[in-house]
C-alpha atoms as a PDB file:
ATOM      1  CA  MET A   1       0.213   0.380   0.107  1.00  0.00           C
ATOM      2  CA  ARG A   2       1.487   3.301  -1.092  1.00  0.00           C
ATOM      3  CA  GLU A   3      -0.069   6.958  -0.045  1.00  0.00           C
ATOM      4  CA  ALA A   4      -1.147   8.136  -2.791  1.00  0.00           C
ATOM      5  CA  ASP A   5      -3.608   5.100  -2.719  1.00  0.00           C
ATOM      6  CA  LEU A   6      -5.308   6.474   0.765  1.00  0.00           C
ATOM      7  CA  THR A   7      -7.616   8.683   0.789  1.00  0.00           C
ATOM      8  CA  ARG A   8      -6.437  12.327   1.729  1.00  0.00           C
ATOM      9  CA  HIS A   9      -3.140  11.903   0.987  1.00  0.00           C
ATOM     10  CA  LEU A  10      -0.414  14.774  -0.136  1.00  0.00           C
ATOM     11  CA  SER A  11      -0.124  15.667  -3.512  1.00  0.00           C
ATOM     12  CA  ASN A  12       2.718  17.862  -4.790  1.00  0.00           C
ATOM     13  CA  ASP A  13       1.348  19.276  -8.178  1.00  0.00           C
ATOM     14  CA  LYS A  14       3.920  21.996  -8.842  1.00  0.00           C
ATOM     15  CA  GLU A  15       6.861  19.106  -9.532  1.00  0.00           C
ATOM     16  CA  ALA A  16       4.229  17.986 -12.182  1.00  0.00           C
ATOM     17  CA  GLU A  17       4.063  20.534 -13.590  1.00  0.00           C
ATOM     18  CA  GLU A  18       7.931  21.723 -13.435  1.00  0.00           C
ATOM     19  CA  ASN A  19       9.016  17.927 -15.430  1.00  0.00           C
ATOM     20  CA  PRO A  20       6.072  16.944 -17.149  1.00  0.00           C
ATOM     21  CA  ASP A  21       8.920  13.904 -18.659  1.00  0.00           C
ATOM     22  CA  THR A  22      10.730  12.726 -15.351  1.00  0.00           C
ATOM     23  CA  ALA A  23       8.944   8.877 -16.063  1.00  0.00           C
ATOM     24  CA  SER A  24      10.707   8.771 -18.860  1.00  0.00           C
ATOM     25  CA  LYS A  25      14.520  10.462 -17.522  1.00  0.00           C
ATOM     26  CA  VAL A  26      13.578   7.757 -14.684  1.00  0.00           C
ATOM     27  CA  ALA A  27      12.934   4.974 -17.132  1.00  0.00           C
ATOM     28  CA  LYS A  28      16.330   5.506 -19.009  1.00  0.00           C
ATOM     29  CA  ASP A  29      18.541   6.174 -16.196  1.00  0.00           C
ATOM     30  CA  LEU A  30      17.140   2.581 -14.405  1.00  0.00           C
ATOM     31  CA  LYS A  31      18.193   0.808 -17.805  1.00  0.00           C
ATOM     32  CA  GLY A  32      21.532   0.128 -17.577  1.00  0.00           C
ATOM     33  CA  ILE A  33      20.797  -0.977 -13.739  1.00  0.00           C
ATOM     34  CA  LYS A  34      21.694  -4.757 -12.870  1.00  0.00           C
ATOM     35  CA  PRO A  35      18.403  -5.930 -11.281  1.00  0.00           C
ATOM     36  CA  LEU A  36      18.875  -7.089  -7.580  1.00  0.00           C
ATOM     37  CA  VAL A  37      19.007 -11.056  -7.252  1.00  0.00           C
ATOM     38  CA  PHE A  38      18.537 -12.439  -3.900  1.00  0.00           C
ATOM     39  CA  GLY A  39      21.378 -15.619  -3.301  1.00  0.00           C
ATOM     40  CA  ALA A  40      23.328 -14.916  -6.136  1.00  0.00           C
ATOM     41  CA  ASP A  41      26.861 -16.068  -6.215  1.00  0.00           C
ATOM     42  CA  ASP A  42      28.441 -12.951  -5.795  1.00  0.00           C
ATOM     43  CA  ASP A  43      25.882 -11.966  -2.624  1.00  0.00           C
ATOM     44  CA  TYR A  44      28.854 -11.677  -0.755  1.00  0.00           C
ATOM     45  CA  GLN A  45      26.686 -10.739   2.637  1.00  0.00           C
ATOM     46  CA  LEU A  46      24.751 -13.639   2.259  1.00  0.00           C
ATOM     47  CA  LEU A  47      27.490 -15.992   2.414  1.00  0.00           C
ATOM     48  CA  GLN A  48      28.905 -14.568   5.389  1.00  0.00           C
ATOM     49  CA  ALA A  49      25.532 -14.602   6.985  1.00  0.00           C
ATOM     50  CA  LEU A  50      25.528 -18.587   6.257  1.00  0.00           C
ATOM     51  CA  ASN A  51      29.199 -19.296   7.004  1.00  0.00           C
ATOM     52  CA  VAL A  52      28.150 -17.403  11.045  1.00  0.00           C
ATOM     53  CA  LEU A  53      25.293 -20.517  10.864  1.00  0.00           C
ATOM     54  CA  LYS A  54      27.088 -23.446  10.176  1.00  0.00           C
ATOM     55  CA  GLY A  55      29.875 -21.898  12.463  1.00  0.00           C
ATOM     56  CA  LEU A  56      32.894 -21.527   9.659  1.00  0.00           C
ATOM     57  CA  PRO A  57      35.110 -18.342  10.118  1.00  0.00           C
ATOM     58  CA  VAL A  58      33.376 -15.625   8.743  1.00  0.00           C
ATOM     59  CA  ASP A  59      35.863 -13.820   6.016  1.00  0.00           C
ATOM     60  CA  HIS A  60      35.914  -9.755   6.541  1.00  0.00           C
ATOM     61  CA  LYS A  61      36.514  -7.882   3.388  1.00  0.00           C
ATOM     62  CA  PRO A  62      39.104  -4.894   3.265  1.00  0.00           C
ATOM     63  CA  LEU A  63      37.806  -1.969   3.103  1.00  0.00           C
ATOM     64  CA  THR A  64      37.945   0.124   0.141  1.00  0.00           C
ATOM     65  CA  ALA A  65      38.887   3.519   1.080  1.00  0.00           C
ATOM     66  CA  GLN A  66      39.093   4.711   4.790  1.00  0.00           C
ATOM     67  CA  ALA A  67      38.552   8.020   6.022  1.00  0.00           C
ATOM     68  CA  SER A  68      41.686   9.914   8.003  1.00  0.00           C
ATOM     69  CA  ILE A  69      40.411  12.054  10.690  1.00  0.00           C
ATOM     70  CA  GLU A  70      42.644  15.267  11.487  1.00  0.00           C
ATOM     71  CA  PRO A  71      42.620  16.613  14.779  1.00  0.00           C
ATOM     72  CA  ALA A  72      41.203  19.955  15.033  1.00  0.00           C
ATOM     73  CA  LYS A  73      43.056  23.300  14.293  1.00  0.00           C
ATOM     74  CA  PRO A  74      42.633  26.323  16.368  1.00  0.00           C
ATOM     75  CA  GLY A  75      41.226  29.523  14.495  1.00  0.00           C
ATOM     76  CA  LYS A  76      43.624  32.366  14.100  1.00  0.00           C
END
């Protein structure tokens, strides 16, 4: 059930007037996205969850980027 299906739902007519072809733009953007498949062979999180349930060691994925925290500099 969506909010739009309910009686007295909120609506925004201004946005529809400004962008009448938004749906076609969104459809073009979504065309190249790979669909989500649950339980696929490359589902890392699922495989690690199964390892936990089986009592096997869990592999930790290396972090791709680490944030560096610098101490705050006092103002002049």
